Amino acid sequence: MNNNRIMNPPASALPAHEINQLHKEVIRQTDASKKCLNTALVAAWKAGQLLLGERKRVRRTMGAAWGFWLEANFRGTHRTAQHYMRLAETVPDVSAFQGMSLRQVYFRLGIATEPKSRADSPQVAALPAHIRLASKLVAALKTLNDSPASTPERWALLCLDLRPLYNKLRCIFEADCNSSAPPPSDTDFSGRAA
């Protein structure tokens, strides 16, 4: 009788098996999707690097013929070429954006993209300039903090360079800000004691 039980598992085991198979498929497809996103991002970045090189060469040899060269040789739109070049100019290494779509990376970098059909897309207001500046400031500070070359001297120089920006942003974010009063010199930008 035990052999019969092994051959015909209880009915409750069948859905569990299917659920686990579907879970495996989700993981497999998610990994494949991430690889595809990364491949597209790297390809766009490399295309941008090549386009920048060609634009420099064309401008050096043919003057203002870049638009004509682009139209004759690039199968994408001028705007796509601009996006690729801007990505290549802005990002020295795209591995930091692994797993993100190209549109997500453009959004993070502030590269404006237009939807394929304006009629079908919701209108999203642009972030205020001070929010974009604050995001760039936080990203720069995180990058420096994670860098092995981060030293107290570099932090001190960065703090001096960023102090005017910090004062402007502080006035925007704090309701009771006195713009003429500098931040205390013994604190870093996060408010912790240095």
N, C-alpha and C. Protein backbone atom coordinates (compact mmCIF):
# COMPACT_ATOMS: atom_id res chain seq x y z
N MET A 1 0.82 -1.20 0.00
CA MET A 1 0.00 0.00 0.00
C MET A 1 0.87 1.26 0.00
N ASN A 2 2.00 1.22 0.64
CA ASN A 2 2.90 2.37 0.65
C ASN A 2 3.40 2.70 -0.75
N ASN A 3 3.62 1.67 -1.59
CA ASN A 3 4.08 1.92 -2.95
C ASN A 3 3.03 2.68 -3.74
N ASN A 4 1.78 2.40 -3.52
CA ASN A 4 0.70 3.11 -4.20
C ASN A 4 0.67 4.58 -3.80
N ARG A 5 0.98 4.86 -2.57
CA ARG A 5 0.99 6.24 -2.08
C ARG A 5 2.13 7.04 -2.72
N ILE A 6 3.27 6.42 -2.95
CA ILE A 6 4.41 7.10 -3.57
C ILE A 6 4.10 7.36 -5.05
N MET A 7 3.47 6.40 -5.70
CA MET A 7 3.16 6.55 -7.12
C MET A 7 2.12 7.63 -7.37
N ASN A 8 1.17 7.78 -6.50
CA ASN A 8 0.11 8.77 -6.64
C ASN A 8 0.18 9.75 -5.46
N PRO A 9 0.92 10.82 -5.61
CA PRO A 9 1.02 11.76 -4.49
C PRO A 9 -0.34 12.37 -4.18
N PRO A 10 -0.52 12.81 -2.95
CA PRO A 10 -1.78 13.45 -2.59
C PRO A 10 -2.06 14.64 -3.49
N ALA A 11 -3.31 14.96 -3.67
CA ALA A 11 -3.71 16.04 -4.57
C ALA A 11 -3.11 17.38 -4.16
N SER A 12 -2.87 17.57 -2.86
CA SER A 12 -2.33 18.86 -2.41
C SER A 12 -0.89 19.07 -2.84
N ALA A 13 -0.15 18.02 -3.18
CA ALA A 13 1.25 18.16 -3.60
C ALA A 13 1.36 18.66 -5.03
N LEU A 14 0.36 18.39 -5.86
CA LEU A 14 0.42 18.81 -7.26
C LEU A 14 0.45 20.33 -7.42
N PRO A 15 -0.43 21.09 -6.77
CA PRO A 15 -0.33 22.55 -6.89
C PRO A 15 0.99 23.10 -6.34
N ALA A 16 1.50 22.51 -5.27
CA ALA A 16 2.76 22.98 -4.70
C ALA A 16 3.89 22.79 -5.71
N HIS A 17 3.89 21.64 -6.39
CA HIS A 17 4.91 21.39 -7.41
C HIS A 17 4.82 22.42 -8.53
N GLU A 18 3.61 22.66 -9.01
CA GLU A 18 3.42 23.65 -10.08
C GLU A 18 3.82 25.05 -9.64
N ILE A 19 3.48 25.41 -8.41
CA ILE A 19 3.85 26.73 -7.86
C ILE A 19 5.37 26.88 -7.85
N ASN A 20 6.07 25.84 -7.40
CA ASN A 20 7.52 25.91 -7.35
C ASN A 20 8.14 25.95 -8.74
N GLN A 21 7.54 25.25 -9.69
CA GLN A 21 8.02 25.31 -11.07
C GLN A 21 7.83 26.73 -11.64
N LEU A 22 6.69 27.31 -11.36
CA LEU A 22 6.44 28.68 -11.83
C LEU A 22 7.38 29.67 -11.14
N HIS A 23 7.66 29.44 -9.88
CA HIS A 23 8.61 30.30 -9.17
C HIS A 23 9.99 30.23 -9.81
N LYS A 24 10.42 29.01 -10.16
CA LYS A 24 11.70 28.84 -10.87
C LYS A 24 11.71 29.62 -12.18
N GLU A 25 10.57 29.57 -12.89
CA GLU A 25 10.46 30.27 -14.17
C GLU A 25 10.54 31.78 -13.97
N VAL A 26 9.92 32.29 -12.92
CA VAL A 26 10.00 33.72 -12.61
C VAL A 26 11.44 34.13 -12.38
N ILE A 27 12.15 33.35 -11.60
CA ILE A 27 13.57 33.66 -11.32
C ILE A 27 14.39 33.63 -12.60
N ARG A 28 14.16 32.59 -13.42
CA ARG A 28 14.91 32.46 -14.68
C ARG A 28 14.63 33.64 -15.60
N GLN A 29 13.37 34.00 -15.75
CA GLN A 29 12.99 35.10 -16.64
C GLN A 29 13.49 36.44 -16.10
N THR A 30 13.46 36.61 -14.79
CA THR A 30 13.96 37.85 -14.18
C THR A 30 15.45 38.00 -14.45
N ASP A 31 16.20 36.92 -14.28
CA ASP A 31 17.64 36.96 -14.57
C ASP A 31 17.89 37.27 -16.04
N ALA A 32 17.12 36.64 -16.93
CA ALA A 32 17.28 36.89 -18.36
C ALA A 32 16.93 38.33 -18.70
N SER A 33 15.91 38.86 -18.06
CA SER A 33 15.50 40.25 -18.29
C SER A 33 16.60 41.22 -17.85
N LYS A 34 17.18 40.96 -16.69
CA LYS A 34 18.26 41.82 -16.20
C LYS A 34 19.45 41.80 -17.14
N LYS A 35 19.77 40.61 -17.66
CA LYS A 35 20.88 40.50 -18.61
C LYS A 35 20.58 41.29 -19.88
N CYS A 36 19.34 41.19 -20.36
CA CYS A 36 18.95 41.94 -21.57
C CYS A 36 19.03 43.44 -21.33
N LEU A 37 18.53 43.89 -20.17
CA LEU A 37 18.59 45.32 -19.86
C LEU A 37 20.03 45.80 -19.82
N ASN A 38 20.90 45.02 -19.19
CA ASN A 38 22.29 45.42 -19.09
C ASN A 38 22.96 45.42 -20.46
N THR A 39 22.65 44.44 -21.29
CA THR A 39 23.22 44.38 -22.63
C THR A 39 22.80 45.60 -23.45
N ALA A 40 21.52 45.98 -23.34
CA ALA A 40 21.03 47.16 -24.07
C ALA A 40 21.72 48.43 -23.56
N LEU A 41 21.89 48.54 -22.25
CA LEU A 41 22.54 49.71 -21.68
C LEU A 41 23.99 49.82 -22.13
N VAL A 42 24.71 48.72 -22.07
CA VAL A 42 26.12 48.73 -22.50
C VAL A 42 26.21 49.06 -23.99
N ALA A 43 25.30 48.50 -24.80
CA ALA A 43 25.32 48.79 -26.24
C ALA A 43 25.07 50.28 -26.50
N ALA A 44 24.10 50.86 -25.80
CA ALA A 44 23.81 52.29 -25.97
C ALA A 44 25.02 53.14 -25.57
N TRP A 45 25.65 52.76 -24.48
CA TRP A 45 26.82 53.51 -23.99
C TRP A 45 27.98 53.42 -24.99
N LYS A 46 28.23 52.21 -25.50
CA LYS A 46 29.30 52.03 -26.49
C LYS A 46 28.98 52.79 -27.78
N ALA A 47 27.72 52.74 -28.21
CA ALA A 47 27.32 53.50 -29.40
C ALA A 47 27.55 54.99 -29.16
N GLY A 48 27.25 55.46 -27.97
CA GLY A 48 27.50 56.86 -27.64
C GLY A 48 28.98 57.21 -27.71
N GLN A 49 29.83 56.32 -27.20
CA GLN A 49 31.28 56.56 -27.28
C GLN A 49 31.73 56.66 -28.74
N LEU A 50 31.25 55.75 -29.57
CA LEU A 50 31.62 55.76 -30.99
C LEU A 50 31.05 57.00 -31.69
N LEU A 51 29.83 57.36 -31.37
CA LEU A 51 29.23 58.56 -31.98
C LEU A 51 30.02 59.81 -31.59
N LEU A 52 30.45 59.89 -30.34
CA LEU A 52 31.25 61.04 -29.91
C LEU A 52 32.55 61.13 -30.71
N GLY A 53 33.19 59.98 -30.91
CA GLY A 53 34.42 59.95 -31.71
C GLY A 53 34.18 60.37 -33.15
N GLU A 54 33.10 59.86 -33.73
CA GLU A 54 32.78 60.23 -35.11
C GLU A 54 32.42 61.71 -35.22
N ARG A 55 31.66 62.21 -34.27
CA ARG A 55 31.30 63.64 -34.32
C ARG A 55 32.55 64.51 -34.27
N LYS A 56 33.50 64.14 -33.43
CA LYS A 56 34.75 64.89 -33.34
C LYS A 56 35.52 64.83 -34.67
N ARG A 57 35.59 63.62 -35.24
CA ARG A 57 36.30 63.46 -36.51
C ARG A 57 35.61 64.23 -37.63
N VAL A 58 34.28 64.13 -37.71
CA VAL A 58 33.53 64.80 -38.77
C VAL A 58 33.68 66.32 -38.63
N ARG A 59 33.57 66.82 -37.44
CA ARG A 59 33.69 68.27 -37.24
C ARG A 59 35.10 68.76 -37.56
N ARG A 60 36.09 67.92 -37.26
CA ARG A 60 37.48 68.31 -37.55
C ARG A 60 37.75 68.31 -39.05
N THR A 61 37.18 67.33 -39.75
CA THR A 61 37.49 67.21 -41.18
C THR A 61 36.47 67.90 -42.08
N MET A 62 35.19 67.95 -41.68
CA MET A 62 34.16 68.49 -42.57
C MET A 62 33.41 69.67 -41.99
N GLY A 63 33.84 70.17 -40.86
CA GLY A 63 33.17 71.34 -40.28
C GLY A 63 31.81 71.01 -39.71
N ALA A 64 30.79 71.71 -40.15
CA ALA A 64 29.45 71.59 -39.57
C ALA A 64 28.59 70.54 -40.25
N ALA A 65 29.20 69.48 -40.77
CA ALA A 65 28.45 68.46 -41.51
C ALA A 65 27.98 67.31 -40.62
N TRP A 66 28.04 67.46 -39.32
CA TRP A 66 27.69 66.36 -38.43
C TRP A 66 26.25 65.89 -38.64
N GLY A 67 25.32 66.79 -38.77
CA GLY A 67 23.93 66.42 -38.98
C GLY A 67 23.74 65.62 -40.26
N PHE A 68 24.43 66.02 -41.32
CA PHE A 68 24.34 65.30 -42.58
C PHE A 68 24.96 63.90 -42.45
N TRP A 69 26.11 63.82 -41.77
CA TRP A 69 26.75 62.53 -41.57
C TRP A 69 25.83 61.61 -40.77
N LEU A 70 25.22 62.15 -39.73
CA LEU A 70 24.34 61.37 -38.87
C LEU A 70 23.14 60.84 -39.66
N GLU A 71 22.56 61.72 -40.47
CA GLU A 71 21.40 61.32 -41.27
C GLU A 71 21.76 60.24 -42.29
N ALA A 72 22.95 60.33 -42.85
CA ALA A 72 23.36 59.38 -43.87
C ALA A 72 23.85 58.05 -43.29
N ASN A 73 24.35 58.06 -42.07
CA ASN A 73 25.02 56.87 -41.54
C ASN A 73 24.37 56.22 -40.32
N PHE A 74 23.54 56.92 -39.60
CA PHE A 74 22.94 56.39 -38.38
C PHE A 74 21.48 56.03 -38.63
N ARG A 75 21.08 54.83 -38.30
CA ARG A 75 19.71 54.37 -38.59
C ARG A 75 18.71 54.79 -37.53
N GLY A 76 19.16 55.36 -36.45
CA GLY A 76 18.25 55.88 -35.44
C GLY A 76 17.97 57.35 -35.69
N THR A 77 17.22 57.97 -34.78
CA THR A 77 16.91 59.39 -34.92
C THR A 77 18.05 60.23 -34.36
N HIS A 78 18.03 61.50 -34.70
CA HIS A 78 19.03 62.44 -34.15
C HIS A 78 18.92 62.45 -32.63
N ARG A 79 17.69 62.41 -32.13
CA ARG A 79 17.47 62.45 -30.68
C ARG A 79 18.06 61.21 -29.99
N THR A 80 17.92 60.06 -30.61
CA THR A 80 18.51 58.84 -30.05
C THR A 80 20.02 58.96 -30.01
N ALA A 81 20.61 59.48 -31.08
CA ALA A 81 22.06 59.68 -31.10
C ALA A 81 22.48 60.64 -29.99
N GLN A 82 21.71 61.70 -29.78
CA GLN A 82 22.01 62.65 -28.70
C GLN A 82 21.94 61.96 -27.35
N HIS A 83 20.94 61.10 -27.15
CA HIS A 83 20.82 60.37 -25.88
C HIS A 83 22.02 59.47 -25.66
N TYR A 84 22.41 58.74 -26.68
CA TYR A 84 23.56 57.84 -26.55
C TYR A 84 24.83 58.63 -26.22
N MET A 85 25.03 59.74 -26.92
CA MET A 85 26.22 60.54 -26.67
C MET A 85 26.20 61.16 -25.27
N ARG A 86 25.05 61.63 -24.85
CA ARG A 86 24.93 62.21 -23.52
C ARG A 86 25.20 61.16 -22.44
N LEU A 87 24.70 59.94 -22.66
CA LEU A 87 24.97 58.84 -21.74
C LEU A 87 26.47 58.58 -21.67
N ALA A 88 27.12 58.51 -22.82
CA ALA A 88 28.55 58.24 -22.87
C ALA A 88 29.36 59.37 -22.24
N GLU A 89 28.92 60.61 -22.42
CA GLU A 89 29.63 61.75 -21.82
C GLU A 89 29.45 61.80 -20.30
N THR A 90 28.28 61.42 -19.84
CA THR A 90 27.93 61.57 -18.43
C THR A 90 28.44 60.43 -17.57
N VAL A 91 28.46 59.23 -18.10
CA VAL A 91 28.76 58.05 -17.29
C VAL A 91 30.07 57.41 -17.74
N PRO A 92 31.08 57.41 -16.87
CA PRO A 92 32.34 56.78 -17.25
C PRO A 92 32.26 55.24 -17.22
N ASP A 93 31.34 54.69 -16.41
CA ASP A 93 31.21 53.24 -16.30
C ASP A 93 29.74 52.91 -16.05
N VAL A 94 29.11 52.20 -16.97
CA VAL A 94 27.68 51.92 -16.86
C VAL A 94 27.36 50.78 -15.90
N SER A 95 28.36 50.13 -15.35
CA SER A 95 28.08 49.01 -14.46
C SER A 95 27.32 49.45 -13.20
N ALA A 96 27.40 50.72 -12.85
CA ALA A 96 26.67 51.22 -11.68
C ALA A 96 25.16 51.16 -11.89
N PHE A 97 24.72 51.10 -13.15
CA PHE A 97 23.30 51.10 -13.46
C PHE A 97 22.80 49.71 -13.87
N GLN A 98 23.54 48.68 -13.53
CA GLN A 98 23.19 47.32 -13.93
C GLN A 98 21.78 46.96 -13.42
N GLY A 99 20.98 46.35 -14.28
CA GLY A 99 19.63 45.95 -13.93
C GLY A 99 18.58 47.00 -14.19
N MET A 100 19.00 48.19 -14.65
CA MET A 100 18.05 49.26 -14.93
C MET A 100 17.83 49.35 -16.44
N SER A 101 16.64 49.79 -16.81
CA SER A 101 16.37 49.98 -18.23
C SER A 101 17.05 51.26 -18.70
N LEU A 102 17.19 51.39 -19.99
CA LEU A 102 17.80 52.59 -20.56
C LEU A 102 17.01 53.83 -20.18
N ARG A 103 15.69 53.73 -20.21
CA ARG A 103 14.83 54.87 -19.84
C ARG A 103 15.03 55.25 -18.37
N GLN A 104 15.19 54.25 -17.49
CA GLN A 104 15.42 54.53 -16.08
C GLN A 104 16.76 55.25 -15.88
N VAL A 105 17.77 54.82 -16.62
CA VAL A 105 19.09 55.47 -16.52
C VAL A 105 19.00 56.90 -17.03
N TYR A 106 18.33 57.10 -18.16
CA TYR A 106 18.16 58.46 -18.67
C TYR A 106 17.46 59.33 -17.64
N PHE A 107 16.42 58.79 -17.02
CA PHE A 107 15.68 59.55 -16.02
C PHE A 107 16.58 59.92 -14.84
N ARG A 108 17.36 58.95 -14.37
CA ARG A 108 18.28 59.21 -13.26
C ARG A 108 19.30 60.28 -13.59
N LEU A 109 19.75 60.30 -14.83
CA LEU A 109 20.79 61.25 -15.26
C LEU A 109 20.21 62.59 -15.71
N GLY A 110 18.89 62.68 -15.77
CA GLY A 110 18.27 63.93 -16.20
C GLY A 110 18.27 64.11 -17.70
N ILE A 111 18.41 63.01 -18.45
CA ILE A 111 18.37 63.07 -19.91
C ILE A 111 16.90 62.95 -20.31
N ALA A 112 16.40 64.01 -20.91
CA ALA A 112 14.97 64.04 -21.25
C ALA A 112 14.67 63.05 -22.36
N THR A 113 13.63 62.26 -22.16
CA THR A 113 13.17 61.34 -23.19
C THR A 113 11.71 61.62 -23.46
N GLU A 114 11.35 61.43 -24.70
CA GLU A 114 9.95 61.62 -25.07
C GLU A 114 9.31 60.27 -25.23
N PRO A 115 8.08 60.13 -24.81
CA PRO A 115 7.39 58.86 -25.03
C PRO A 115 7.16 58.62 -26.52
N LYS A 116 6.98 57.37 -26.89
CA LYS A 116 6.77 57.04 -28.30
C LYS A 116 5.52 57.71 -28.84
N SER A 117 4.48 57.80 -28.04
CA SER A 117 3.25 58.47 -28.44
C SER A 117 2.83 59.43 -27.34
N ARG A 118 2.89 60.70 -27.61
CA ARG A 118 2.53 61.69 -26.60
C ARG A 118 1.07 61.58 -26.17
N ALA A 119 0.20 61.17 -27.08
CA ALA A 119 -1.22 61.09 -26.76
C ALA A 119 -1.50 60.02 -25.72
N ASP A 120 -0.73 58.93 -25.74
CA ASP A 120 -0.97 57.82 -24.83
C ASP A 120 -0.26 57.96 -23.49
N SER A 121 0.64 58.90 -23.37
CA SER A 121 1.44 58.98 -22.16
C SER A 121 0.91 60.02 -21.18
N PRO A 122 1.01 59.72 -19.90
CA PRO A 122 0.59 60.71 -18.91
C PRO A 122 1.62 61.83 -18.84
N GLN A 123 1.15 63.02 -18.53
CA GLN A 123 2.06 64.14 -18.40
C GLN A 123 2.67 64.14 -17.00
N VAL A 124 3.98 64.11 -16.94
CA VAL A 124 4.70 64.12 -15.67
C VAL A 124 5.47 65.43 -15.59
N ALA A 125 5.24 66.15 -14.53
CA ALA A 125 5.94 67.42 -14.35
C ALA A 125 7.41 67.15 -14.06
N ALA A 126 8.27 68.01 -14.57
CA ALA A 126 9.69 67.89 -14.31
C ALA A 126 9.97 68.21 -12.84
N LEU A 127 10.99 67.56 -12.31
CA LEU A 127 11.37 67.85 -10.94
C LEU A 127 11.93 69.26 -10.86
N PRO A 128 11.69 69.96 -9.76
CA PRO A 128 12.25 71.30 -9.61
C PRO A 128 13.78 71.25 -9.63
N ALA A 129 14.38 72.34 -10.04
CA ALA A 129 15.84 72.40 -10.18
C ALA A 129 16.54 72.09 -8.86
N HIS A 130 16.00 72.57 -7.75
CA HIS A 130 16.69 72.34 -6.47
C HIS A 130 16.65 70.86 -6.07
N ILE A 131 15.63 70.12 -6.48
CA ILE A 131 15.57 68.69 -6.19
C ILE A 131 16.61 67.95 -7.03
N ARG A 132 16.74 68.34 -8.31
CA ARG A 132 17.76 67.72 -9.16
C ARG A 132 19.16 68.01 -8.62
N LEU A 133 19.38 69.25 -8.18
CA LEU A 133 20.69 69.60 -7.62
C LEU A 133 20.97 68.80 -6.35
N ALA A 134 19.97 68.68 -5.50
CA ALA A 134 20.15 67.92 -4.26
C ALA A 134 20.46 66.46 -4.57
N SER A 135 19.81 65.88 -5.57
CA SER A 135 20.08 64.50 -5.95
C SER A 135 21.51 64.34 -6.45
N LYS A 136 21.95 65.29 -7.25
CA LYS A 136 23.33 65.23 -7.75
C LYS A 136 24.32 65.37 -6.61
N LEU A 137 24.01 66.23 -5.65
CA LEU A 137 24.88 66.42 -4.49
C LEU A 137 24.99 65.12 -3.69
N VAL A 138 23.87 64.49 -3.43
CA VAL A 138 23.86 63.24 -2.68
C VAL A 138 24.63 62.16 -3.44
N ALA A 139 24.43 62.07 -4.74
CA ALA A 139 25.13 61.07 -5.54
C ALA A 139 26.64 61.32 -5.51
N ALA A 140 27.06 62.58 -5.61
CA ALA A 140 28.48 62.90 -5.57
C ALA A 140 29.09 62.54 -4.22
N LEU A 141 28.36 62.84 -3.17
CA LEU A 141 28.86 62.52 -1.83
C LEU A 141 28.94 61.02 -1.61
N LYS A 142 27.95 60.27 -2.08
CA LYS A 142 27.98 58.82 -1.95
C LYS A 142 29.15 58.23 -2.74
N THR A 143 29.36 58.75 -3.94
CA THR A 143 30.45 58.25 -4.77
C THR A 143 31.79 58.49 -4.09
N LEU A 144 31.96 59.69 -3.55
CA LEU A 144 33.21 60.00 -2.87
C LEU A 144 33.36 59.16 -1.62
N ASN A 145 32.28 58.97 -0.89
CA ASN A 145 32.34 58.19 0.34
C ASN A 145 32.70 56.74 0.06
N ASP A 146 32.22 56.19 -1.06
CA ASP A 146 32.49 54.79 -1.42
C ASP A 146 33.85 54.62 -2.08
N SER A 147 34.47 55.71 -2.46
CA SER A 147 35.74 55.64 -3.18
C SER A 147 36.89 55.26 -2.23
N PRO A 148 37.79 54.37 -2.69
CA PRO A 148 38.94 54.03 -1.84
C PRO A 148 39.91 55.21 -1.71
N ALA A 149 39.80 56.18 -2.63
CA ALA A 149 40.68 57.35 -2.57
C ALA A 149 40.12 58.45 -1.67
N SER A 150 39.04 58.15 -0.97
CA SER A 150 38.42 59.14 -0.09
C SER A 150 39.30 59.38 1.12
N THR A 151 39.69 60.63 1.30
CA THR A 151 40.54 61.00 2.43
C THR A 151 39.90 62.19 3.13
N PRO A 152 40.29 62.44 4.38
CA PRO A 152 39.76 63.62 5.07
C PRO A 152 40.07 64.93 4.33
N GLU A 153 41.21 64.98 3.67
CA GLU A 153 41.57 66.20 2.93
C GLU A 153 40.63 66.41 1.74
N ARG A 154 40.31 65.31 1.03
CA ARG A 154 39.38 65.42 -0.11
C ARG A 154 38.00 65.84 0.37
N TRP A 155 37.59 65.29 1.52
CA TRP A 155 36.28 65.66 2.08
C TRP A 155 36.27 67.14 2.44
N ALA A 156 37.35 67.62 3.02
CA ALA A 156 37.42 69.03 3.41
C ALA A 156 37.33 69.94 2.18
N LEU A 157 38.05 69.57 1.12
CA LEU A 157 37.99 70.37 -0.12
C LEU A 157 36.60 70.31 -0.74
N LEU A 158 36.00 69.15 -0.73
CA LEU A 158 34.66 69.01 -1.28
C LEU A 158 33.66 69.84 -0.48
N CYS A 159 33.79 69.82 0.82
CA CYS A 159 32.90 70.62 1.67
C CYS A 159 33.03 72.11 1.36
N LEU A 160 34.25 72.57 1.15
CA LEU A 160 34.45 73.98 0.80
C LEU A 160 33.82 74.30 -0.56
N ASP A 161 33.98 73.40 -1.52
CA ASP A 161 33.41 73.62 -2.85
C ASP A 161 31.88 73.60 -2.83
N LEU A 162 31.31 72.74 -2.00
CA LEU A 162 29.87 72.55 -2.01
C LEU A 162 29.12 73.43 -1.01
N ARG A 163 29.83 74.15 -0.15
CA ARG A 163 29.18 74.96 0.88
C ARG A 163 28.18 75.98 0.30
N PRO A 164 28.51 76.71 -0.79
CA PRO A 164 27.51 77.64 -1.34
C PRO A 164 26.25 76.92 -1.82
N LEU A 165 26.42 75.77 -2.47
CA LEU A 165 25.28 75.00 -2.92
C LEU A 165 24.47 74.50 -1.72
N TYR A 166 25.16 74.05 -0.71
CA TYR A 166 24.48 73.57 0.50
C TYR A 166 23.64 74.69 1.12
N ASN A 167 24.20 75.89 1.19
CA ASN A 167 23.45 77.01 1.78
C ASN A 167 22.18 77.31 0.97
N LYS A 168 22.29 77.28 -0.36
CA LYS A 168 21.11 77.53 -1.19
C LYS A 168 20.06 76.45 -1.00
N LEU A 169 20.49 75.21 -1.01
CA LEU A 169 19.55 74.11 -0.84
C LEU A 169 18.93 74.10 0.55
N ARG A 170 19.72 74.42 1.55
CA ARG A 170 19.21 74.43 2.92
C ARG A 170 18.08 75.45 3.04
N CYS A 171 18.23 76.59 2.41
CA CYS A 171 17.19 77.62 2.47
C CYS A 171 15.91 77.17 1.79
N ILE A 172 16.04 76.36 0.78
CA ILE A 172 14.86 75.87 0.09
C ILE A 172 14.14 74.83 0.94
N PHE A 173 14.91 73.93 1.57
CA PHE A 173 14.32 72.83 2.30
C PHE A 173 13.91 73.18 3.73
N GLU A 174 14.54 74.16 4.33
CA GLU A 174 14.21 74.53 5.70
C GLU A 174 13.34 75.77 5.68
N ALA A 175 12.24 75.73 6.37
CA ALA A 175 11.30 76.85 6.37
C ALA A 175 11.85 78.07 7.10
N ASP A 176 12.58 77.86 8.17
CA ASP A 176 13.05 78.98 8.98
C ASP A 176 14.54 79.26 8.74
N CYS A 177 14.94 79.23 7.49
CA CYS A 177 16.35 79.41 7.15
C CYS A 177 16.72 80.89 7.06
N ASN A 178 17.82 81.23 7.64
CA ASN A 178 18.39 82.56 7.49
C ASN A 178 19.52 82.41 6.47
N SER A 179 19.33 82.88 5.24
CA SER A 179 20.27 82.60 4.15
C SER A 179 21.66 83.18 4.39
N SER A 180 21.79 84.15 5.25
CA SER A 180 23.11 84.73 5.47
C SER A 180 23.92 83.94 6.48
N ALA A 181 23.28 83.07 7.25
CA ALA A 181 24.01 82.32 8.26
C ALA A 181 24.57 81.04 7.66
N PRO A 182 25.90 80.86 7.70
CA PRO A 182 26.49 79.64 7.16
C PRO A 182 26.21 78.46 8.09
N PRO A 183 26.27 77.24 7.56
CA PRO A 183 26.08 76.08 8.42
C PRO A 183 27.24 75.95 9.39
N PRO A 184 27.04 75.32 10.53
CA PRO A 184 28.14 75.16 11.47
C PRO A 184 29.29 74.42 10.81
N SER A 185 30.51 74.84 11.06
CA SER A 185 31.67 74.27 10.39
C SER A 185 32.05 72.92 10.96
N ASP A 186 31.54 72.54 12.14
CA ASP A 186 31.93 71.28 12.73
C ASP A 186 30.96 70.15 12.39
N THR A 187 30.07 70.36 11.41
CA THR A 187 29.17 69.31 10.98
C THR A 187 29.33 69.08 9.50
N ASP A 188 29.09 67.84 9.08
CA ASP A 188 29.10 67.58 7.65
C ASP A 188 27.72 67.82 7.10
N PHE A 189 27.48 67.52 5.84
CA PHE A 189 26.22 67.83 5.21
C PHE A 189 25.06 67.01 5.75
N SER A 190 25.33 65.91 6.42
CA SER A 190 24.24 65.10 6.96
C SER A 190 23.85 65.55 8.36
N GLY A 191 24.57 66.52 8.92
CA GLY A 191 24.24 67.03 10.25
C GLY A 191 24.99 66.30 11.36
N ARG A 192 25.80 65.31 11.01
CA ARG A 192 26.56 64.59 12.03
C ARG A 192 27.80 65.40 12.37
N ALA A 193 28.27 65.24 13.59
CA ALA A 193 29.51 65.92 14.00
C ALA A 193 30.67 65.33 13.24
N ALA A 194 31.57 66.19 12.75
CA ALA A 194 32.71 65.72 11.96
C ALA A 194 33.78 65.15 12.84
